[in-house]
Amino acid sequence: MNYTDLPHSPGKEERHATFDLLGSPLATAGMQARNFTAAIRRSDPGIAPEFYSAASLAADIECLCDPLNPATDEQFLNVAVKYFFAYVHEGAHAESVGYDEIAALYEQFSRHQSLNEPGDDIELMNRLRQWSSVLRVLADAPRAAHVMRAVIGQKDAPQASGGPYVGVDVGAGTGIMLLAQQIQARRNGFSDIQTLGYQTDPISGERTHDLVHTLGMGSVMLADPTREGAYNILRGRPISYVANEMVAGIQQSLSRENFFDKYTAFFAAIGNNADKAAFFPEGLIAHSGREGTSVILAKENGFSAPEEYMDAEFVPQGVIIEGKVLPMHKLGKDFYPYLT
């Protein structure tokens, strides 16, 4: 087992870049998603940023699925913000949505845990509160876009060779990871694509399944992914890709209950049928302050800590994606310039 620490303090330029983003409703909502105890008010959305296109979410996804079209950061960001909007507004996936509407929704989400303001749509605000736990992941548009780019462009991703593509998300929340797997598979030549995510929240799980299914991007099962039996539907099938959306969301501690037991159950059920699978993340670097140790979690060790630390809590410090170690606070940073 390897151990490491990644101390990092933002430099002057990085702090200034973060400060400059406060004028963007998309960026402020993203910051709110990372630290939602502070409400951030948006400025006038004004003119749509250059990255934003008038195409519908469904059209953007279709474009990304075509391997003849280059996948750009602008496309990933478009999908991220439009997916957020479509999650809240049923049927919006097939519509052209104005940037002002998206900016308004981000502003409303940035204060959804507070009291309503005069003129607020009460039903809408209540939906935001009802789905708050998953929307916090989607609200961080730069991070969601970065995750999609990493999955879709992953170097060790499976290539079509006659069999089906079977993708799994052991920590599905919003469904964005299932979407990324579908795009990855189509760009890599697969035609038979089956993606399945596991959710435990019946309220958000139903909405996530409905949106993912409507987009033709797989399905979400309401089942406890820490139970080996939850994976019976996958037994005996070669797995192409394994993701965990939880890792890409708001930073939280990793524990036996919310992380380690999922992988233990998955590998116990699937066995060597996951030997050729690619994973997102490729690896994690996590630290336990109480235990005074850091661990690298990856496919090679079943994303498990040493047995003596399995009941400890670890805070993710770095994620291994796109072939390199990335400090957690830099996930999404590549996309900040598009929002200013």
Protein backbone atom coordinates (compact mmCIF):
# COMPACT_ATOMS: atom_id res chain seq x y z
CA MET A 1 0.00 0.00 0.00
CA ASN A 2 1.34 3.42 -0.95
CA TYR A 3 0.93 6.48 1.21
CA THR A 4 1.15 10.10 0.25
CA ASP A 5 0.19 13.66 1.21
CA LEU A 6 -0.66 16.50 -1.12
CA PRO A 7 -0.39 19.78 0.80
CA HIS A 8 -1.47 22.72 -1.29
CA SER A 9 -2.32 26.34 -0.68
CA PRO A 10 -3.87 28.46 -3.43
CA GLY A 11 -1.46 31.00 -4.86
CA LYS A 12 -2.17 34.66 -5.44
CA GLU A 13 -3.17 34.20 -9.09
CA GLU A 14 -5.47 31.32 -8.20
CA ARG A 15 -7.21 33.37 -5.50
CA HIS A 16 -7.68 36.25 -7.92
CA ALA A 17 -9.11 33.92 -10.58
CA THR A 18 -11.63 32.61 -8.06
CA PHE A 19 -12.59 36.14 -7.03
CA ASP A 20 -13.11 37.17 -10.65
CA LEU A 21 -15.72 34.44 -11.08
CA LEU A 22 -18.12 35.98 -8.57
CA GLY A 23 -19.89 37.85 -11.35
CA SER A 24 -20.95 34.65 -13.11
CA PRO A 25 -24.21 32.99 -12.01
CA LEU A 26 -22.92 29.61 -13.13
CA ALA A 27 -19.65 29.98 -11.27
CA THR A 28 -21.24 31.32 -8.11
CA ALA A 29 -23.66 28.41 -8.04
CA GLY A 30 -20.69 26.10 -8.43
CA MET A 31 -18.97 27.65 -5.46
CA GLN A 32 -22.22 27.42 -3.53
CA ALA A 33 -22.32 23.73 -4.36
CA ARG A 34 -18.90 23.31 -2.78
CA ASN A 35 -19.73 25.38 0.27
CA PHE A 36 -23.47 25.73 0.39
CA THR A 37 -23.55 27.26 3.88
CA ALA A 38 -23.00 30.68 2.31
CA ALA A 39 -25.64 32.11 -0.03
CA ILE A 40 -24.28 33.86 -3.08
CA ARG A 41 -26.41 36.24 -5.06
CA ARG A 42 -26.04 36.54 -8.79
CA SER A 43 -25.53 39.64 -10.86
CA ASP A 44 -27.50 40.44 -14.02
CA PRO A 45 -26.86 37.49 -16.37
CA GLY A 46 -26.61 39.91 -19.29
CA ILE A 47 -25.29 38.41 -22.49
CA ALA A 48 -24.74 34.67 -22.64
CA PRO A 49 -21.08 33.64 -22.36
CA GLU A 50 -19.36 32.60 -25.58
CA PHE A 51 -19.40 28.89 -24.76
CA TYR A 52 -23.21 28.74 -24.61
CA SER A 53 -25.14 27.41 -27.60
CA ALA A 54 -28.85 27.53 -28.39
CA ALA A 55 -28.99 23.78 -29.11
CA SER A 56 -31.08 21.54 -26.88
CA LEU A 57 -29.51 19.16 -24.38
CA ALA A 58 -30.56 16.21 -26.53
CA ALA A 59 -28.91 17.76 -29.59
CA ASP A 60 -25.69 18.49 -27.68
CA ILE A 61 -25.55 14.90 -26.45
CA GLU A 62 -26.15 13.52 -29.93
CA CYS A 63 -23.29 15.65 -31.25
CA LEU A 64 -20.94 14.40 -28.53
CA CYS A 65 -21.87 10.78 -29.27
CA ASP A 66 -20.61 11.09 -32.84
CA PRO A 67 -16.91 10.12 -32.94
CA LEU A 68 -16.49 12.22 -36.09
CA ASN A 69 -17.16 15.36 -34.07
CA PRO A 70 -14.36 16.61 -31.83
CA ALA A 71 -15.34 16.72 -28.17
CA THR A 72 -14.67 20.21 -26.83
CA ASP A 73 -14.73 21.79 -23.39
CA GLU A 74 -17.49 24.10 -24.58
CA GLN A 75 -19.68 21.10 -25.41
CA PHE A 76 -19.08 19.50 -22.02
CA LEU A 77 -20.01 22.73 -20.27
CA ASN A 78 -23.15 23.11 -22.38
CA VAL A 79 -24.26 19.60 -21.46
CA ALA A 80 -23.51 20.22 -17.77
CA VAL A 81 -25.61 23.38 -17.44
CA LYS A 82 -28.45 22.11 -19.63
CA TYR A 83 -28.58 18.80 -17.75
CA PHE A 84 -28.95 20.77 -14.51
CA PHE A 85 -31.85 22.70 -16.03
CA ALA A 86 -33.49 19.58 -17.49
CA TYR A 87 -33.24 17.78 -14.15
CA VAL A 88 -35.44 20.44 -12.60
CA HIS A 89 -37.70 21.13 -15.59
CA GLU A 90 -39.21 17.95 -17.04
CA GLY A 91 -39.21 17.93 -20.83
CA ALA A 92 -36.60 20.67 -21.15
CA HIS A 93 -34.03 18.22 -22.54
CA ALA A 94 -35.62 18.52 -25.97
CA GLU A 95 -36.00 22.30 -25.95
CA SER A 96 -33.74 25.22 -26.75
CA VAL A 97 -33.31 27.02 -23.44
CA GLY A 98 -32.22 30.62 -23.17
CA TYR A 99 -29.16 31.36 -21.09
CA ASP A 100 -31.16 33.82 -18.99
CA GLU A 101 -33.43 30.95 -17.88
CA ILE A 102 -30.47 28.82 -16.89
CA ALA A 103 -28.79 31.69 -15.05
CA ALA A 104 -32.03 32.38 -13.17
CA LEU A 105 -32.24 28.74 -12.05
CA TYR A 106 -28.66 28.79 -10.79
CA GLU A 107 -29.43 31.96 -8.84
CA GLN A 108 -32.50 30.36 -7.28
CA PHE A 109 -30.54 27.27 -6.36
CA SER A 110 -27.84 29.37 -4.71
CA ARG A 111 -30.42 30.40 -2.09
CA HIS A 112 -32.82 27.45 -2.13
CA GLN A 113 -32.18 26.60 1.52
CA SER A 114 -33.18 30.10 2.59
CA LEU A 115 -36.63 31.72 2.75
CA ASN A 116 -38.40 32.38 -0.52
CA GLU A 117 -38.32 35.86 -1.98
CA PRO A 118 -41.40 37.69 -3.27
CA GLY A 119 -42.18 36.45 -6.76
CA ASP A 120 -40.48 33.06 -6.33
CA ASP A 121 -42.21 30.05 -7.84
CA ILE A 122 -42.97 28.13 -4.65
CA GLU A 123 -43.35 24.79 -6.42
CA LEU A 124 -39.99 25.24 -8.15
CA MET A 125 -38.21 26.24 -4.95
CA ASN A 126 -39.64 23.20 -3.19
CA ARG A 127 -38.37 20.94 -5.99
CA LEU A 128 -34.91 22.43 -5.55
CA ARG A 129 -35.07 21.62 -1.84
CA GLN A 130 -36.44 18.15 -2.45
CA TRP A 131 -33.62 17.24 -4.83
CA SER A 132 -31.00 19.35 -3.09
CA SER A 133 -28.54 16.56 -2.35
CA VAL A 134 -28.09 15.61 -6.01
CA LEU A 135 -28.52 19.08 -7.47
CA ARG A 136 -25.53 20.28 -5.47
CA VAL A 137 -23.41 18.03 -7.67
CA LEU A 138 -24.93 19.33 -10.91
CA ALA A 139 -24.81 22.95 -9.76
CA ASP A 140 -21.03 22.85 -9.89
CA ALA A 141 -21.00 23.11 -13.68
CA PRO A 142 -17.20 23.29 -14.11
CA ARG A 143 -16.69 20.16 -12.02
CA ALA A 144 -19.47 18.24 -13.82
CA ALA A 145 -17.99 19.22 -17.18
CA HIS A 146 -14.49 18.18 -16.09
CA VAL A 147 -15.75 14.77 -14.96
CA MET A 148 -17.49 14.18 -18.29
CA ARG A 149 -14.34 15.11 -20.19
CA ALA A 150 -12.27 12.72 -18.09
CA VAL A 151 -14.65 9.79 -18.59
CA ILE A 152 -15.27 10.34 -22.29
CA GLY A 153 -11.59 10.77 -23.11
CA GLN A 154 -10.21 8.12 -20.77
CA LYS A 155 -7.23 6.41 -22.42
CA ASP A 156 -7.91 2.92 -21.06
CA ALA A 157 -11.62 3.03 -21.86
CA PRO A 158 -12.91 -0.10 -23.62
CA GLN A 159 -13.01 -0.20 -27.40
CA ALA A 160 -15.69 -2.01 -29.39
CA SER A 161 -14.68 -5.62 -30.10
CA GLY A 162 -17.94 -7.40 -30.79
CA GLY A 163 -19.40 -7.60 -27.30
CA PRO A 164 -21.71 -5.28 -25.39
CA TYR A 165 -20.60 -2.33 -23.30
CA VAL A 166 -21.72 -2.83 -19.71
CA GLY A 167 -21.24 0.23 -17.53
CA VAL A 168 -21.99 0.61 -13.83
CA ASP A 169 -22.19 3.55 -11.44
CA VAL A 170 -22.01 2.30 -7.84
CA GLY A 171 -22.71 5.78 -6.49
CA ALA A 172 -25.19 7.29 -8.93
CA GLY A 173 -26.84 10.51 -7.86
CA THR A 174 -27.66 12.73 -10.80
CA GLY A 175 -27.08 10.26 -13.63
CA ILE A 176 -24.39 12.45 -15.20
CA MET A 177 -21.90 9.58 -14.96
CA LEU A 178 -24.22 7.23 -16.84
CA LEU A 179 -24.55 9.88 -19.52
CA ALA A 180 -20.76 10.16 -19.77
CA GLN A 181 -20.40 6.38 -20.06
CA GLN A 182 -22.95 6.24 -22.86
CA ILE A 183 -21.13 8.97 -24.78
CA GLN A 184 -17.79 7.24 -24.19
CA ALA A 185 -19.16 3.93 -25.46
CA ARG A 186 -20.69 5.41 -28.59
CA ARG A 187 -17.56 7.35 -29.45
CA ASN A 188 -15.57 4.14 -29.01
CA GLY A 189 -17.69 2.21 -31.49
CA PHE A 190 -20.16 0.30 -29.32
CA SER A 191 -23.74 -0.18 -30.48
CA ASP A 192 -24.99 -2.48 -27.69
CA ILE A 193 -24.66 -0.28 -24.61
CA GLN A 194 -26.09 -1.08 -21.19
CA THR A 195 -25.49 1.29 -18.28
CA LEU A 196 -26.90 0.92 -14.79
CA GLY A 197 -26.64 3.19 -11.78
CA TYR A 198 -27.40 2.48 -8.12
CA GLN A 199 -29.37 4.95 -6.00
CA THR A 200 -30.75 4.66 -2.47
CA ASP A 201 -32.88 7.83 -2.30
CA PRO A 202 -36.35 7.03 -3.72
CA ILE A 203 -37.21 10.69 -4.29
CA SER A 204 -34.20 11.81 -6.31
CA GLY A 205 -33.69 8.29 -7.63
CA GLU A 206 -37.00 8.36 -9.45
CA ARG A 207 -36.23 11.70 -11.08
CA THR A 208 -32.73 10.60 -12.03
CA HIS A 209 -34.03 7.42 -13.63
CA ASP A 210 -36.74 9.29 -15.53
CA LEU A 211 -34.28 11.78 -17.02
CA VAL A 212 -31.59 9.23 -17.84
CA HIS A 213 -34.14 6.86 -19.38
CA THR A 214 -35.78 9.64 -21.39
CA LEU A 215 -32.40 10.56 -22.84
CA GLY A 216 -31.79 6.91 -23.74
CA MET A 217 -28.75 6.82 -21.50
CA GLY A 218 -29.46 3.81 -19.29
CA SER A 219 -31.39 3.26 -16.08
CA VAL A 220 -31.15 3.75 -12.33
CA MET A 221 -31.97 1.02 -9.83
CA LEU A 222 -33.19 1.76 -6.32
CA ALA A 223 -31.00 -0.71 -4.46
CA ASP A 224 -28.37 -0.63 -1.74
CA PRO A 225 -24.98 -0.90 -3.49
CA THR A 226 -23.33 -2.01 -0.25
CA ARG A 227 -25.21 -5.33 -0.55
CA GLU A 228 -23.69 -8.03 -2.73
CA GLY A 229 -27.15 -9.11 -3.89
CA ALA A 230 -27.74 -5.71 -5.49
CA TYR A 231 -25.35 -6.74 -8.26
CA ASN A 232 -27.08 -10.04 -9.11
CA ILE A 233 -28.27 -8.54 -12.38
CA LEU A 234 -24.61 -8.14 -13.40
CA ARG A 235 -23.30 -11.55 -12.34
CA GLY A 236 -21.55 -13.48 -15.08
CA ARG A 237 -21.32 -10.48 -17.40
CA PRO A 238 -18.00 -8.88 -18.38
CA ILE A 239 -18.00 -5.32 -17.06
CA SER A 240 -16.65 -2.56 -19.29
CA TYR A 241 -16.65 0.45 -16.99
CA VAL A 242 -17.16 1.18 -13.30
CA ALA A 243 -17.80 4.68 -12.01
CA ASN A 244 -18.67 6.32 -8.72
CA GLU A 245 -20.35 9.69 -9.13
CA MET A 246 -20.12 10.31 -5.40
CA VAL A 247 -16.40 10.94 -5.76
CA ALA A 248 -17.03 13.74 -8.26
CA GLY A 249 -19.58 15.49 -6.06
CA ILE A 250 -19.23 17.72 -3.05
CA GLN A 251 -16.22 16.73 -1.01
CA GLN A 252 -17.24 14.45 1.83
CA SER A 253 -15.59 11.86 3.99
CA LEU A 254 -15.21 8.34 2.66
CA SER A 255 -16.28 5.66 5.10
CA ARG A 256 -17.15 1.99 5.20
CA GLU A 257 -20.86 2.77 4.85
CA ASN A 258 -20.75 5.21 1.94
CA PHE A 259 -17.71 4.02 0.01
CA PHE A 260 -15.67 0.96 0.98
CA ASP A 261 -18.60 -1.44 1.38
CA LYS A 262 -19.88 -0.57 -2.11
CA TYR A 263 -16.68 -1.78 -3.72
CA THR A 264 -16.41 -4.79 -1.42
CA ALA A 265 -19.90 -5.90 -2.44
CA PHE A 266 -19.30 -5.14 -6.11
CA PHE A 267 -16.08 -7.12 -6.40
CA ALA A 268 -17.53 -10.01 -4.36
CA ALA A 269 -20.45 -10.27 -6.80
CA ILE A 270 -18.59 -9.63 -10.05
CA GLY A 271 -15.25 -11.29 -9.37
CA ASN A 272 -12.86 -11.46 -12.31
CA ASN A 273 -15.53 -10.20 -14.71
CA ALA A 274 -14.30 -6.72 -13.81
CA ASP A 275 -10.65 -7.52 -14.59
CA LYS A 276 -10.72 -5.67 -17.93
CA ALA A 277 -12.95 -2.83 -16.78
CA ALA A 278 -11.81 0.78 -16.72
CA PHE A 279 -12.64 2.84 -13.65
CA PHE A 280 -13.58 6.39 -12.74
CA PRO A 281 -11.81 7.62 -10.88
CA GLU A 282 -8.69 5.74 -11.86
CA GLY A 283 -7.60 6.26 -8.29
CA LEU A 284 -8.06 8.37 -5.18
CA ILE A 285 -5.66 9.78 -2.64
CA ALA A 286 -7.38 10.16 0.72
CA HIS A 287 -6.26 11.17 4.20
CA SER A 288 -7.48 10.28 7.67
CA GLY A 289 -6.58 12.94 10.19
CA ARG A 290 -7.57 10.79 13.14
CA GLU A 291 -5.43 7.88 11.96
CA GLY A 292 -2.65 10.12 10.70
CA THR A 293 -2.32 8.26 7.42
CA SER A 294 -3.03 8.61 3.72
CA VAL A 295 -3.96 5.87 1.28
CA ILE A 296 -4.17 5.36 -2.46
CA LEU A 297 -7.44 3.72 -3.46
CA ALA A 298 -7.52 2.10 -6.89
CA LYS A 299 -8.69 -0.93 -8.86
CA GLU A 300 -5.59 -2.85 -7.81
CA ASN A 301 -6.64 -2.82 -4.14
CA GLY A 302 -10.37 -2.90 -4.77
CA PHE A 303 -10.69 0.73 -3.69
CA SER A 304 -10.29 -0.49 -0.12
CA ALA A 305 -8.18 0.77 2.74
CA PRO A 306 -5.99 -1.64 4.71
CA GLU A 307 -8.15 -3.74 7.02
CA GLU A 308 -7.00 -1.88 10.12
CA TYR A 309 -8.33 1.38 8.64
CA MET A 310 -11.61 0.15 7.13
CA ASP A 311 -13.64 1.78 9.92
CA ALA A 312 -11.80 5.08 9.64
CA GLU A 313 -13.02 8.11 7.73
CA PHE A 314 -10.90 9.50 4.92
CA VAL A 315 -11.10 12.87 3.19
CA PRO A 316 -10.29 12.78 -0.55
CA GLN A 317 -7.28 14.98 -1.29
CA GLY A 318 -6.53 14.05 -4.87
CA VAL A 319 -8.13 12.21 -7.74
CA ILE A 320 -6.33 10.30 -10.48
CA ILE A 321 -7.99 11.19 -13.79
CA GLU A 322 -6.78 11.87 -17.30
CA GLY A 323 -3.61 10.01 -16.42
CA LYS A 324 -2.48 12.33 -13.65
CA VAL A 325 -3.02 13.20 -10.02
CA LEU A 326 -5.25 16.22 -9.60
CA PRO A 327 -5.78 17.93 -6.23
CA MET A 328 -9.49 17.86 -5.44
CA HIS A 329 -9.81 21.64 -5.34
CA LYS A 330 -8.61 21.84 -8.95
CA LEU A 331 -11.35 19.59 -10.31
CA GLY A 332 -13.24 21.86 -12.70
CA LYS A 333 -10.67 24.64 -12.74
CA ASP A 334 -9.96 24.18 -16.47
CA PHE A 335 -13.51 25.35 -17.17
CA TYR A 336 -13.52 28.54 -15.09
CA PRO A 337 -12.32 30.81 -17.93
CA TYR A 338 -15.44 29.99 -19.96
CA LEU A 339 -17.67 31.45 -17.25
CA THR A 340 -16.12 34.90 -17.02
